[in-house]
Amino acid sequence: MSNSIRTLVASVVAVLFSISLFDALFNLNKVIVPGVSNIYNALGTSISPNLITVVIFDFRGYDTLGESIILLTAGLVVLLVFGRGRLGGKEE
């Protein structure tokens, strides 16, 4: 690809991204529901009789997801540090 075509494609992508970003920012108040407790009152009582228990379990799910990501990252770092020699090179 020539340099001018790359510049044109990059410009079109940047303009489309900017338009979608500004649209999302200016129409954000239509997406946000001010009463999240309405959702928990409708659905949470079927899961647990206590609203606080539902919120705590919800945050524990995010906490478990974070711990899983940390363990995955630690495993990848160990594999990179103690891997099979140099990347792309022949072992001597």
Protein backbone atom coordinates (compact mmCIF):
# COMPACT_ATOMS: atom_id res chain seq x y z
CA MET A 1 0.00 0.00 0.00
CA SER A 2 1.24 3.42 -0.78
CA ASN A 3 1.70 6.05 1.86
CA SER A 4 -1.20 8.21 0.63
CA ILE A 5 -3.69 5.33 0.84
CA ARG A 6 -2.56 4.54 4.37
CA THR A 7 -2.99 8.18 5.33
CA LEU A 8 -6.48 8.25 3.81
CA VAL A 9 -7.55 5.06 5.59
CA ALA A 10 -6.12 6.30 8.91
CA SER A 11 -7.93 9.62 8.50
CA VAL A 12 -11.27 7.94 7.75
CA VAL A 13 -10.90 5.63 10.75
CA ALA A 14 -9.95 8.56 13.02
CA VAL A 15 -12.97 10.58 11.86
CA LEU A 16 -15.36 7.65 12.37
CA PHE A 17 -13.91 7.00 15.82
CA SER A 18 -14.22 10.68 16.76
CA ILE A 19 -17.83 10.85 15.61
CA SER A 20 -18.79 7.73 17.55
CA LEU A 21 -16.94 8.97 20.65
CA PHE A 22 -18.67 12.37 20.63
CA ASP A 23 -22.03 10.73 19.99
CA ALA A 24 -21.50 8.41 22.94
CA LEU A 25 -20.43 11.27 25.22
CA PHE A 26 -23.29 13.61 24.37
CA ASN A 27 -25.98 10.90 24.51
CA LEU A 28 -24.67 9.26 27.67
CA ASN A 29 -27.40 10.69 29.89
CA LYS A 30 -30.03 8.78 27.89
CA VAL A 31 -28.30 5.48 28.67
CA ILE A 32 -27.78 5.97 32.40
CA VAL A 33 -30.69 4.87 34.55
CA PRO A 34 -30.70 6.87 37.79
CA GLY A 35 -32.22 4.09 39.91
CA VAL A 36 -30.11 0.96 39.85
CA SER A 37 -31.97 -0.15 42.96
CA ASN A 38 -35.09 -0.58 40.79
CA ILE A 39 -33.30 -3.41 38.97
CA TYR A 40 -32.22 -4.99 42.24
CA ASN A 41 -35.70 -4.62 43.71
CA ALA A 42 -37.22 -6.35 40.67
CA LEU A 43 -34.66 -9.12 40.19
CA GLY A 44 -32.71 -9.26 43.43
CA THR A 45 -35.53 -10.50 45.64
CA SER A 46 -35.87 -13.63 43.52
CA ILE A 47 -32.15 -14.32 43.99
CA SER A 48 -31.81 -13.35 47.63
CA PRO A 49 -34.29 -11.89 50.10
CA ASN A 50 -31.82 -9.20 51.19
CA LEU A 51 -30.74 -6.37 48.86
CA ILE A 52 -27.37 -5.98 50.61
CA THR A 53 -26.57 -9.66 50.05
CA VAL A 54 -27.24 -9.26 46.33
CA VAL A 55 -24.89 -6.26 46.09
CA ILE A 56 -22.15 -8.02 48.07
CA PHE A 57 -22.36 -11.12 45.87
CA ASP A 58 -22.23 -8.90 42.80
CA PHE A 59 -19.00 -7.25 44.00
CA ARG A 60 -17.55 -10.63 45.00
CA GLY A 61 -18.01 -11.76 41.39
CA TYR A 62 -15.96 -8.80 40.17
CA ASP A 63 -13.35 -9.52 42.84
CA THR A 64 -13.06 -13.14 41.71
CA LEU A 65 -12.72 -12.00 38.09
CA GLY A 66 -9.90 -9.66 39.12
CA GLU A 67 -8.10 -12.41 41.00
CA SER A 68 -8.39 -14.70 37.97
CA ILE A 69 -6.87 -12.03 35.73
CA ILE A 70 -4.00 -11.54 38.20
CA LEU A 71 -3.30 -15.29 38.28
CA LEU A 72 -3.41 -15.50 34.48
CA THR A 73 -1.00 -12.58 34.18
CA ALA A 74 1.37 -14.12 36.74
CA GLY A 75 1.34 -17.41 34.84
CA LEU A 76 2.11 -15.66 31.56
CA VAL A 77 4.99 -13.75 33.15
CA VAL A 78 6.45 -16.97 34.58
CA LEU A 79 6.22 -18.60 31.15
CA LEU A 80 7.93 -15.61 29.54
CA VAL A 81 10.70 -15.45 32.13
CA PHE A 82 11.38 -19.19 32.33
CA GLY A 83 10.47 -19.98 28.73
CA ARG A 84 12.31 -22.04 26.18
CA GLY A 85 15.21 -19.74 25.46
CA ARG A 86 15.24 -16.80 23.10
CA LEU A 87 12.27 -16.01 20.93
CA GLY A 88 12.91 -16.78 17.28
CA GLY A 89 16.45 -17.99 17.89
CA LYS A 90 17.98 -21.42 17.83
CA GLU A 91 18.90 -23.04 21.10
CA GLU A 92 22.61 -23.53 21.62
